[in-house]
Each structure stands twice: as structure tokens, then as C-alpha cells.
C-alpha atoms as a PDB file:
ATOM      1  CA  MET A   1     -99.442  87.383  42.784  1.00  0.00           C
ATOM      2  CA  ASP A   2    -102.627  89.321  43.337  1.00  0.00           C
ATOM      3  CA  GLU A   3    -101.761  91.124  46.561  1.00  0.00           C
ATOM      4  CA  VAL A   4     -99.130  93.523  47.763  1.00  0.00           C
ATOM      5  CA  LYS A   5     -98.622  94.520  51.390  1.00  0.00           C
ATOM      6  CA  ILE A   6     -97.224  97.949  52.095  1.00  0.00           C
ATOM      7  CA  LYS A   7     -95.595  98.050  55.511  1.00  0.00           C
ATOM      8  CA  VAL A   8     -94.027 100.534  57.853  1.00  0.00           C
ATOM      9  CA  GLU A   9     -91.558  98.403  59.748  1.00  0.00           C
ATOM     10  CA  SER A  10     -88.138  98.638  61.292  1.00  0.00           C
ATOM     11  CA  ARG A  11     -85.071  97.500  59.424  1.00  0.00           C
ATOM     12  CA  GLU A  12     -84.706  94.680  61.943  1.00  0.00           C
ATOM     13  CA  ALA A  13     -88.266  93.468  61.298  1.00  0.00           C
ATOM     14  CA  PHE A  14     -87.687  93.619  57.555  1.00  0.00           C
ATOM     15  CA  PHE A  15     -84.558  91.476  57.771  1.00  0.00           C
ATOM     16  CA  ALA A  16     -86.207  89.070  60.237  1.00  0.00           C
ATOM     17  CA  SER A  17     -88.985  88.490  57.677  1.00  0.00           C
ATOM     18  CA  ALA A  18     -86.402  87.941  54.949  1.00  0.00           C
ATOM     19  CA  VAL A  19     -84.607  85.350  57.091  1.00  0.00           C
ATOM     20  CA  LYS A  20     -87.907  83.527  57.788  1.00  0.00           C
ATOM     21  CA  ARG A  21     -88.628  83.432  54.060  1.00  0.00           C
ATOM     22  CA  ALA A  22     -85.106  82.150  53.323  1.00  0.00           C
ATOM     23  CA  VAL A  23     -85.532  79.357  55.888  1.00  0.00           C
ATOM     24  CA  LYS A  24     -88.803  78.322  54.195  1.00  0.00           C
ATOM     25  CA  ILE A  25     -87.090  78.263  50.811  1.00  0.00           C
ATOM     26  CA  ASP A  26     -84.201  76.218  52.242  1.00  0.00           C
ATOM     27  CA  LYS A  27     -86.794  73.697  53.423  1.00  0.00           C
ATOM     28  CA  GLY A  28     -88.250  73.496  49.923  1.00  0.00           C
ATOM     29  CA  ASP A  29     -91.309  75.670  50.556  1.00  0.00           C
ATOM     30  CA  PHE A  30     -91.559  77.873  47.474  1.00  0.00           C
ATOM     31  CA  SER A  31     -95.169  78.922  48.068  1.00  0.00           C
ATOM     32  CA  ALA A  32     -95.697  82.548  47.266  1.00  0.00           C
ATOM     33  CA  GLY A  33     -97.189  84.916  49.778  1.00  0.00           C
ATOM     34  CA  PRO A  34     -98.143  88.470  49.004  1.00  0.00           C
ATOM     35  CA  ALA A  35     -95.472  90.780  47.643  1.00  0.00           C
ATOM     36  CA  THR A  36     -94.229  93.250  50.251  1.00  0.00           C
ATOM     37  CA  ILE A  37     -93.058  96.842  50.000  1.00  0.00           C
ATOM     38  CA  SER A  38     -91.554  98.164  53.224  1.00  0.00           C
ATOM     39  CA  TYR A  39     -90.860 101.663  54.468  1.00  0.00           C
ATOM     40  CA  GLU A  40     -88.809 102.374  57.546  1.00  0.00           C
ATOM     41  CA  THR A  41     -90.838 105.399  58.655  1.00  0.00           C
ATOM     42  CA  MET A  42     -94.365 106.683  58.314  1.00  0.00           C
ATOM     43  CA  GLU A  43     -92.953 109.823  56.705  1.00  0.00           C
ATOM     44  CA  GLN A  44     -91.426 107.751  53.891  1.00  0.00           C
ATOM     45  CA  PHE A  45     -94.726 105.917  53.442  1.00  0.00           C
ATOM     46  CA  LEU A  46     -96.710 109.170  53.274  1.00  0.00           C
ATOM     47  CA  ARG A  47     -94.292 110.708  50.742  1.00  0.00           C
ATOM     48  CA  ILE A  48     -95.219 107.899  48.349  1.00  0.00           C
ATOM     49  CA  ILE A  49     -98.851 107.132  49.250  1.00  0.00           C
ATOM     50  CA  THR A  50    -100.456 110.565  49.111  1.00  0.00           C
ATOM     51  CA  PRO A  51    -104.238 111.029  48.919  1.00  0.00           C
ATOM     52  CA  ASN A  52    -104.002 111.930  45.203  1.00  0.00           C
ATOM     53  CA  ARG A  53    -101.896 108.861  44.472  1.00  0.00           C
ATOM     54  CA  TRP A  54    -104.264 106.606  46.417  1.00  0.00           C
ATOM     55  CA  SER A  55    -107.179 107.982  44.350  1.00  0.00           C
ATOM     56  CA  LEU A  56    -105.136 107.436  41.198  1.00  0.00           C
ATOM     57  CA  LEU A  57    -104.464 103.805  42.166  1.00  0.00           C
ATOM     58  CA  ARG A  58    -108.163 103.207  42.842  1.00  0.00           C
ATOM     59  CA  ALA A  59    -109.262 104.829  39.570  1.00  0.00           C
ATOM     60  CA  LEU A  60    -106.658 102.971  37.528  1.00  0.00           C
ATOM     61  CA  ARG A  61    -107.544  99.637  39.141  1.00  0.00           C
ATOM     62  CA  GLN A  62    -111.236 100.182  38.389  1.00  0.00           C
ATOM     63  CA  SER A  63    -110.763 101.432  34.816  1.00  0.00           C
ATOM     64  CA  GLY A  64    -108.062  98.969  33.761  1.00  0.00           C
ATOM     65  CA  ALA A  65    -104.966  99.651  31.680  1.00  0.00           C
ATOM     66  CA  SER A  66    -104.876 103.238  30.513  1.00  0.00           C
ATOM     67  CA  SER A  67    -102.737 105.977  29.058  1.00  0.00           C
ATOM     68  CA  ILE A  68    -101.634 108.752  31.380  1.00  0.00           C
ATOM     69  CA  ARG A  69    -103.644 111.253  29.331  1.00  0.00           C
ATOM     70  CA  ALA A  70    -106.847 109.198  29.645  1.00  0.00           C
ATOM     71  CA  LEU A  71    -106.214 108.708  33.357  1.00  0.00           C
ATOM     72  CA  SER A  72    -105.707 112.434  33.905  1.00  0.00           C
ATOM     73  CA  GLN A  73    -109.016 113.119  32.118  1.00  0.00           C
ATOM     74  CA  LEU A  74    -110.761 110.492  34.243  1.00  0.00           C
ATOM     75  CA  LEU A  75    -109.369 112.071  37.419  1.00  0.00           C
ATOM     76  CA  GLY A  76    -109.946 115.648  36.241  1.00  0.00           C
ATOM     77  CA  ARG A  77    -106.289 116.460  36.941  1.00  0.00           C
ATOM     78  CA  ASP A  78    -103.437 118.073  35.041  1.00  0.00           C
ATOM     79  CA  CYS A  79    -101.553 115.567  32.870  1.00  0.00           C
ATOM     80  CA  ARG A  80     -98.140 116.635  34.246  1.00  0.00           C
ATOM     81  CA  GLY A  81     -99.225 116.054  37.831  1.00  0.00           C
ATOM     82  CA  VAL A  82    -100.675 112.643  36.980  1.00  0.00           C
ATOM     83  CA  HIS A  83     -97.475 111.776  35.100  1.00  0.00           C
ATOM     84  CA  ALA A  84     -95.371 112.675  38.161  1.00  0.00           C
ATOM     85  CA  ASP A  85     -97.620 110.571  40.414  1.00  0.00           C
ATOM     86  CA  VAL A  86     -97.559 107.634  37.991  1.00  0.00           C
ATOM     87  CA  THR A  87     -93.754 107.784  37.820  1.00  0.00           C
ATOM     88  CA  ALA A  88     -93.517 107.719  41.630  1.00  0.00           C
ATOM     89  CA  LEU A  89     -95.936 104.780  41.827  1.00  0.00           C
ATOM     90  CA  ILE A  90     -94.046 102.866  39.124  1.00  0.00           C
ATOM     91  CA  ASP A  91     -90.819 103.439  41.070  1.00  0.00           C
ATOM     92  CA  ALA A  92     -92.598 102.199  44.220  1.00  0.00           C
ATOM     93  CA  GLY A  93     -93.757  99.016  42.466  1.00  0.00           C
ATOM     94  CA  LEU A  94     -97.474  99.754  42.689  1.00  0.00           C
ATOM     95  CA  ILE A  95     -98.067 100.450  38.982  1.00  0.00           C
ATOM     96  CA  GLU A  96     -96.494  98.801  35.977  1.00  0.00           C
ATOM     97  CA  LYS A  97     -95.992 100.052  32.447  1.00  0.00           C
ATOM     98  CA  GLN A  98     -96.978  97.639  29.707  1.00  0.00           C
ATOM     99  CA  ALA A  99     -95.243  97.106  26.354  1.00  0.00           C
ATOM    100  CA  ASP A 100     -97.910  99.288  24.678  1.00  0.00           C
ATOM    101  CA  SER A 101     -96.972 102.133  27.111  1.00  0.00           C
ATOM    102  CA  LYS A 102    -100.273 101.876  28.965  1.00  0.00           C
ATOM    103  CA  ILE A 103    -100.110 101.682  32.734  1.00  0.00           C
ATOM    104  CA  ARG A 104    -101.966  99.364  35.056  1.00  0.00           C
ATOM    105  CA  VAL A 105    -102.245  98.293  38.675  1.00  0.00           C
ATOM    106  CA  PRO A 106    -101.157  94.636  38.724  1.00  0.00           C
ATOM    107  CA  TRP A 107    -102.620  94.045  42.190  1.00  0.00           C
ATOM    108  CA  LYS A 108    -106.177  93.039  43.055  1.00  0.00           C
ATOM    109  CA  LYS A 109    -105.560  93.918  46.679  1.00  0.00           C
ATOM    110  CA  ILE A 110    -103.263  96.447  48.337  1.00  0.00           C
ATOM    111  CA  THR A 111    -102.988  96.157  52.095  1.00  0.00           C
ATOM    112  CA  ALA A 112    -101.284  98.776  54.262  1.00  0.00           C
ATOM    113  CA  GLU A 113     -99.851  97.573  57.537  1.00  0.00           C
ATOM    114  CA  MET A 114     -97.963  99.630  60.092  1.00  0.00           C
ATOM    115  CA  ASP A 115     -96.575  99.217  63.568  1.00  0.00           C
ATOM    116  CA  PHE A 116     -98.132 101.983  65.657  1.00  0.00           C
ATOM    117  CA  GLU A 117     -94.866 102.602  67.508  1.00  0.00           C
ATOM    118  CA  LEU A 118     -93.003 103.132  64.236  1.00  0.00           C
ATOM    119  CA  ALA A 119     -95.845 105.063  62.639  1.00  0.00           C
ATOM    120  CA  ALA A 120     -96.241 107.483  65.562  1.00  0.00           C
END
């Protein structure tokens, strides 16, 4: 998959989407859509996707697989802060660590989608 969608959506909407996907699979439709990461509130979303982390994602996507030290030099940031941000983004599924310990953004496209009522 090349794309991940980050959503702010209710629990009900999340489970409704999962049921729709399950029905498609039951019918034999195994076509892959974009991966999805959902947050129940805008506050949860903003705890993970901070401005620094968004810049980190962009820089890492543009530069390719990198060590945390090289990434911190590229960003002009403290290595410990970059390490903390990378760890949070790995936990969120937006960055992956390779066998050689380098990190990379596996997505060509990251789309953020939020319901205004839930995001307000």
C-alpha cells in the first residue's frame, strides 16, 4: 500500500467501516484500499501529529531511509527530541524501522480526514 488515511472519527463510524470491509471480504473482494489510522478525538490526533512530527515525516519521506542521528542533523534538532518523535510515529504506524535500524516513511501519500463535528 502506498497511502495511509489518518482520520478523526467516532467509534461508531470506525466500526461501521470495519463492517463494510468485512462484508466486501465475505463477498470475495480482497482489493486493498488505503491503510487507515483512526483517532476518536481531535485532541488525540494532535497529540500524535504535532508540527515538528509533520516536518519530520516530510523530511524523512524526501530524504529516504535514515538514521535518527542523520535525521536530527537534517532537521537541525536535538537527537533526543527527534528520537522521541520517531518513537511516537513508529507507535502510530507512520514510520517503520528497517532491519538495518534505519527508519523510513513507507507511505507515498498521507491523507488527514476529519469530521468537523468531531474535530470541533
